[in-house]
Amino acid sequence: MAVVKPLPSVDEYQLSLPRMLFLDLPVVVSSLLLAGAWLIGLPALLLGYLPVGVGRIVFTGGEVIVILAIALLITLLAGPLIVMRVVQFRSILAQGVVLHGQVIRRLVTFAEFRVDYVFQHHYQPFQQRNAIRRQRHIEARPSLEPGSVVLVLVHPYLPERSLLIELYRA
């Protein structure tokens, strides 16, 4: 009699949406821009000035309108990006299947750590890239060296949406 081993769940790999968002460079940059825009825009709107140290920068009515327009523009650009990434990560975490892949390339830049990998889904090869903001303890993992076999979490219907589990695990 054959024993059927259940597939491991996503929880076993210690993946969480907050951690993924914390490591995702587009989400981090968009969140900082959004927060910065409204940290300037709200005092300008409500107070008419920006408290700075012991003094303040006073704005005219026209300047307040320009500041609010810039804050609104940043919100319209950064907000949907953040929402899109949250929805994408949640769908992969909820529906993803675990496959084996292989690291083919890694690149470290000033702000990000990129890993290119390949895997097969329904006998079709896919090459993908995951990039996170730089984390030295993740960059030092020997399991992310080129040629290493890794586990990939793949969306079952959109295999071009995939996550390299080793990058995002705790």
C-alpha atoms as a PDB file:
ATOM      1  CA  MET A   1       0.000   0.000   0.000  1.00  0.00           C
ATOM      2  CA  ALA A   2       1.428   3.374  -1.032  1.00  0.00           C
ATOM      3  CA  VAL A   3       1.547   6.177   1.461  1.00  0.00           C
ATOM      4  CA  VAL A   4       0.441   9.516   0.064  1.00  0.00           C
ATOM      5  CA  LYS A   5       2.392  12.382   1.551  1.00  0.00           C
ATOM      6  CA  PRO A   6       0.425  15.643   1.675  1.00  0.00           C
ATOM      7  CA  LEU A   7       1.935  18.693   0.037  1.00  0.00           C
ATOM      8  CA  PRO A   8       3.582  21.050   2.485  1.00  0.00           C
ATOM      9  CA  SER A   9       1.596  24.159   3.246  1.00  0.00           C
ATOM     10  CA  VAL A  10       2.890  27.667   2.778  1.00  0.00           C
ATOM     11  CA  ASP A  11       3.022  28.084   6.571  1.00  0.00           C
ATOM     12  CA  GLU A  12       5.719  25.424   6.796  1.00  0.00           C
ATOM     13  CA  TYR A  13       8.037  27.703   4.836  1.00  0.00           C
ATOM     14  CA  GLN A  14       7.455  30.644   7.204  1.00  0.00           C
ATOM     15  CA  LEU A  15       6.154  32.946   4.485  1.00  0.00           C
ATOM     16  CA  SER A  16       4.011  35.868   5.542  1.00  0.00           C
ATOM     17  CA  LEU A  17       2.480  38.760   3.661  1.00  0.00           C
ATOM     18  CA  PRO A  18       3.916  41.457   5.979  1.00  0.00           C
ATOM     19  CA  ARG A  19       7.442  40.056   5.585  1.00  0.00           C
ATOM     20  CA  MET A  20       7.061  39.882   1.810  1.00  0.00           C
ATOM     21  CA  LEU A  21       5.880  43.493   1.675  1.00  0.00           C
ATOM     22  CA  PHE A  22       8.722  44.550   3.990  1.00  0.00           C
ATOM     23  CA  LEU A  23      11.275  43.032   1.602  1.00  0.00           C
ATOM     24  CA  ASP A  24       9.609  44.149  -1.656  1.00  0.00           C
ATOM     25  CA  LEU A  25      11.479  47.179  -3.007  1.00  0.00           C
ATOM     26  CA  PRO A  26       8.574  48.708  -5.018  1.00  0.00           C
ATOM     27  CA  VAL A  27       6.298  48.548  -1.953  1.00  0.00           C
ATOM     28  CA  VAL A  28       8.943  50.053   0.339  1.00  0.00           C
ATOM     29  CA  VAL A  29       9.752  52.937  -2.034  1.00  0.00           C
ATOM     30  CA  SER A  30       6.086  53.621  -2.779  1.00  0.00           C
ATOM     31  CA  SER A  31       5.196  53.580   0.912  1.00  0.00           C
ATOM     32  CA  LEU A  32       7.991  56.006   1.771  1.00  0.00           C
ATOM     33  CA  LEU A  33       6.961  58.382  -1.026  1.00  0.00           C
ATOM     34  CA  LEU A  34       3.332  58.187   0.047  1.00  0.00           C
ATOM     35  CA  ALA A  35       4.136  58.821   3.709  1.00  0.00           C
ATOM     36  CA  GLY A  36       6.519  61.664   2.877  1.00  0.00           C
ATOM     37  CA  ALA A  37       4.038  63.363   0.580  1.00  0.00           C
ATOM     38  CA  TRP A  38       1.283  63.364   3.185  1.00  0.00           C
ATOM     39  CA  LEU A  39       3.613  64.259   6.071  1.00  0.00           C
ATOM     40  CA  ILE A  40       4.206  67.498   4.202  1.00  0.00           C
ATOM     41  CA  GLY A  41       0.753  67.819   2.604  1.00  0.00           C
ATOM     42  CA  LEU A  42      -1.413  67.474   5.716  1.00  0.00           C
ATOM     43  CA  PRO A  43       0.348  70.135   7.837  1.00  0.00           C
ATOM     44  CA  ALA A  44       0.380  72.433   4.820  1.00  0.00           C
ATOM     45  CA  LEU A  45      -3.370  71.945   4.360  1.00  0.00           C
ATOM     46  CA  LEU A  46      -4.417  72.032   8.017  1.00  0.00           C
ATOM     47  CA  LEU A  47      -1.944  74.561   9.432  1.00  0.00           C
ATOM     48  CA  GLY A  48      -0.745  76.520   6.435  1.00  0.00           C
ATOM     49  CA  TYR A  49       2.841  75.944   7.486  1.00  0.00           C
ATOM     50  CA  LEU A  50       5.323  73.148   8.086  1.00  0.00           C
ATOM     51  CA  PRO A  51       6.878  73.023  11.564  1.00  0.00           C
ATOM     52  CA  VAL A  52      10.652  72.651  11.239  1.00  0.00           C
ATOM     53  CA  GLY A  53      12.730  72.443  14.409  1.00  0.00           C
ATOM     54  CA  VAL A  54      12.055  75.617  16.383  1.00  0.00           C
ATOM     55  CA  GLY A  55      10.752  77.526  13.348  1.00  0.00           C
ATOM     56  CA  ARG A  56       8.347  76.930  10.517  1.00  0.00           C
ATOM     57  CA  ILE A  57       8.017  77.199   6.764  1.00  0.00           C
ATOM     58  CA  VAL A  58       4.907  79.221   5.953  1.00  0.00           C
ATOM     59  CA  PHE A  59       3.071  78.476   2.696  1.00  0.00           C
ATOM     60  CA  THR A  60       0.877  80.743   0.597  1.00  0.00           C
ATOM     61  CA  GLY A  61      -2.488  79.500  -0.658  1.00  0.00           C
ATOM     62  CA  GLY A  62      -1.047  78.713  -4.088  1.00  0.00           C
ATOM     63  CA  GLU A  63       1.832  76.745  -2.598  1.00  0.00           C
ATOM     64  CA  VAL A  64      -0.580  74.692  -0.493  1.00  0.00           C
ATOM     65  CA  ILE A  65      -2.528  73.794  -3.638  1.00  0.00           C
ATOM     66  CA  VAL A  66       0.666  72.740  -5.446  1.00  0.00           C
ATOM     67  CA  ILE A  67       1.778  70.650  -2.450  1.00  0.00           C
ATOM     68  CA  LEU A  68      -1.627  68.946  -2.282  1.00  0.00           C
ATOM     69  CA  ALA A  69      -1.594  68.313  -6.032  1.00  0.00           C
ATOM     70  CA  ILE A  70       1.831  66.661  -5.741  1.00  0.00           C
ATOM     71  CA  ALA A  71       0.667  64.578  -2.760  1.00  0.00           C
ATOM     72  CA  LEU A  72      -2.426  63.518  -4.697  1.00  0.00           C
ATOM     73  CA  LEU A  73      -0.334  62.606  -7.760  1.00  0.00           C
ATOM     74  CA  ILE A  74       2.007  60.491  -5.638  1.00  0.00           C
ATOM     75  CA  THR A  75      -1.029  58.838  -4.035  1.00  0.00           C
ATOM     76  CA  LEU A  76      -2.530  58.049  -7.448  1.00  0.00           C
ATOM     77  CA  LEU A  77       0.747  56.480  -8.604  1.00  0.00           C
ATOM     78  CA  ALA A  78       1.983  54.736  -5.455  1.00  0.00           C
ATOM     79  CA  GLY A  79      -1.351  53.625  -3.981  1.00  0.00           C
ATOM     80  CA  PRO A  80      -2.418  51.331  -6.837  1.00  0.00           C
ATOM     81  CA  LEU A  81       1.092  49.856  -7.018  1.00  0.00           C
ATOM     82  CA  ILE A  82       0.969  48.912  -3.336  1.00  0.00           C
ATOM     83  CA  VAL A  83      -2.534  47.454  -3.700  1.00  0.00           C
ATOM     84  CA  MET A  84      -1.505  45.498  -6.811  1.00  0.00           C
ATOM     85  CA  ARG A  85       1.515  43.969  -5.040  1.00  0.00           C
ATOM     86  CA  VAL A  86      -0.576  43.031  -1.980  1.00  0.00           C
ATOM     87  CA  VAL A  87      -3.192  41.335  -4.184  1.00  0.00           C
ATOM     88  CA  GLN A  88      -0.499  39.538  -6.190  1.00  0.00           C
ATOM     89  CA  PHE A  89       1.330  38.260  -3.105  1.00  0.00           C
ATOM     90  CA  ARG A  90      -1.911  37.197  -1.413  1.00  0.00           C
ATOM     91  CA  SER A  91      -3.066  35.221  -4.446  1.00  0.00           C
ATOM     92  CA  ILE A  92       0.281  33.409  -4.711  1.00  0.00           C
ATOM     93  CA  LEU A  93       0.258  32.617  -0.976  1.00  0.00           C
ATOM     94  CA  ALA A  94      -3.345  31.398  -1.066  1.00  0.00           C
ATOM     95  CA  GLN A  95      -3.281  29.348  -4.273  1.00  0.00           C
ATOM     96  CA  GLY A  96       0.406  28.682  -4.938  1.00  0.00           C
ATOM     97  CA  VAL A  97       1.890  25.269  -5.574  1.00  0.00           C
ATOM     98  CA  VAL A  98       5.423  24.356  -4.544  1.00  0.00           C
ATOM     99  CA  LEU A  99       7.787  23.293  -7.336  1.00  0.00           C
ATOM    100  CA  HIS A 100      11.508  22.707  -7.627  1.00  0.00           C
ATOM    101  CA  GLY A 101      13.600  25.211  -9.527  1.00  0.00           C
ATOM    102  CA  GLN A 102      17.217  26.116 -10.032  1.00  0.00           C
ATOM    103  CA  VAL A 103      19.038  29.397  -9.420  1.00  0.00           C
ATOM    104  CA  ILE A 104      20.786  30.558 -12.588  1.00  0.00           C
ATOM    105  CA  ARG A 105      22.006  34.040 -11.665  1.00  0.00           C
ATOM    106  CA  ARG A 106      22.179  36.462  -8.765  1.00  0.00           C
ATOM    107  CA  LEU A 107      22.947  40.164  -8.794  1.00  0.00           C
ATOM    108  CA  VAL A 108      23.520  42.606  -5.968  1.00  0.00           C
ATOM    109  CA  THR A 109      23.037  46.310  -6.671  1.00  0.00           C
ATOM    110  CA  PHE A 110      23.069  49.325  -4.391  1.00  0.00           C
ATOM    111  CA  ALA A 111      19.436  48.913  -3.360  1.00  0.00           C
ATOM    112  CA  GLU A 112      18.336  45.431  -4.348  1.00  0.00           C
ATOM    113  CA  PHE A 113      19.244  41.758  -4.445  1.00  0.00           C
ATOM    114  CA  ARG A 114      18.039  39.924  -7.568  1.00  0.00           C
ATOM    115  CA  VAL A 115      17.873  36.194  -8.165  1.00  0.00           C
ATOM    116  CA  ASP A 116      17.013  34.647 -11.543  1.00  0.00           C
ATOM    117  CA  TYR A 117      15.736  31.080 -11.515  1.00  0.00           C
ATOM    118  CA  VAL A 118      14.123  28.511 -13.774  1.00  0.00           C
ATOM    119  CA  PHE A 119      11.394  25.956 -13.102  1.00  0.00           C
ATOM    120  CA  GLN A 120       8.968  23.786 -15.028  1.00  0.00           C
ATOM    121  CA  HIS A 121       5.215  24.044 -14.737  1.00  0.00           C
ATOM    122  CA  HIS A 122       3.126  21.549 -16.722  1.00  0.00           C
ATOM    123  CA  TYR A 123       6.229  20.566 -18.694  1.00  0.00           C
ATOM    124  CA  GLN A 124       6.807  24.136 -19.821  1.00  0.00           C
ATOM    125  CA  PRO A 125      10.000  25.911 -18.715  1.00  0.00           C
ATOM    126  CA  PHE A 126       9.778  29.337 -17.090  1.00  0.00           C
ATOM    127  CA  GLN A 127      12.543  31.755 -16.215  1.00  0.00           C
ATOM    128  CA  GLN A 128      11.695  34.318 -13.558  1.00  0.00           C
ATOM    129  CA  ARG A 129      13.364  36.939 -11.404  1.00  0.00           C
ATOM    130  CA  ASN A 130      12.637  37.950  -7.836  1.00  0.00           C
ATOM    131  CA  ALA A 131      14.153  41.111  -6.429  1.00  0.00           C
ATOM    132  CA  ILE A 132      14.087  42.223  -2.827  1.00  0.00           C
ATOM    133  CA  ARG A 133      15.659  45.130  -1.039  1.00  0.00           C
ATOM    134  CA  ARG A 134      19.154  44.361   0.182  1.00  0.00           C
ATOM    135  CA  GLN A 135      19.402  42.134   3.217  1.00  0.00           C
ATOM    136  CA  ARG A 136      22.909  40.886   3.931  1.00  0.00           C
ATOM    137  CA  HIS A 137      21.773  37.810   5.853  1.00  0.00           C
ATOM    138  CA  ILE A 138      19.663  36.712   2.867  1.00  0.00           C
ATOM    139  CA  GLU A 139      22.439  37.483   0.352  1.00  0.00           C
ATOM    140  CA  ALA A 140      24.808  35.260   2.346  1.00  0.00           C
ATOM    141  CA  ARG A 141      22.614  32.163   2.114  1.00  0.00           C
ATOM    142  CA  PRO A 142      24.493  29.405   0.243  1.00  0.00           C
ATOM    143  CA  SER A 143      21.186  28.029  -1.028  1.00  0.00           C
ATOM    144  CA  LEU A 144      20.904  31.068  -3.343  1.00  0.00           C
ATOM    145  CA  GLU A 145      24.152  30.425  -5.216  1.00  0.00           C
ATOM    146  CA  PRO A 146      23.853  29.753  -8.993  1.00  0.00           C
ATOM    147  CA  GLY A 147      23.206  26.076  -9.643  1.00  0.00           C
ATOM    148  CA  SER A 148      21.381  25.510  -6.347  1.00  0.00           C
ATOM    149  CA  VAL A 149      18.061  23.668  -6.365  1.00  0.00           C
ATOM    150  CA  VAL A 150      15.389  25.791  -4.692  1.00  0.00           C
ATOM    151  CA  LEU A 151      11.683  25.645  -3.917  1.00  0.00           C
ATOM    152  CA  VAL A 152       9.444  27.981  -5.903  1.00  0.00           C
ATOM    153  CA  LEU A 153       5.894  28.960  -4.983  1.00  0.00           C
ATOM    154  CA  VAL A 154       4.009  29.256  -8.286  1.00  0.00           C
ATOM    155  CA  HIS A 155       0.517  30.534  -8.987  1.00  0.00           C
ATOM    156  CA  PRO A 156      -1.225  27.531 -10.594  1.00  0.00           C
ATOM    157  CA  TYR A 157      -2.989  29.500 -13.340  1.00  0.00           C
ATOM    158  CA  LEU A 158      -0.438  32.277 -13.865  1.00  0.00           C
ATOM    159  CA  PRO A 159       2.960  30.555 -13.608  1.00  0.00           C
ATOM    160  CA  GLU A 160       4.756  33.777 -14.519  1.00  0.00           C
ATOM    161  CA  ARG A 161       3.801  34.868 -10.997  1.00  0.00           C
ATOM    162  CA  SER A 162       6.151  32.993  -8.752  1.00  0.00           C
ATOM    163  CA  LEU A 163       8.154  33.499  -5.590  1.00  0.00           C
ATOM    164  CA  LEU A 164      11.483  32.042  -4.629  1.00  0.00           C
ATOM    165  CA  ILE A 165      10.681  30.700  -1.157  1.00  0.00           C
ATOM    166  CA  GLU A 166      14.270  31.023   0.091  1.00  0.00           C
ATOM    167  CA  LEU A 167      14.209  34.817  -0.511  1.00  0.00           C
ATOM    168  CA  TYR A 168      11.106  35.478   1.540  1.00  0.00           C
ATOM    169  CA  ARG A 169      11.297  32.923   4.348  1.00  0.00           C
ATOM    170  CA  ALA A 170      12.160  34.071   7.850  1.00  0.00           C
END
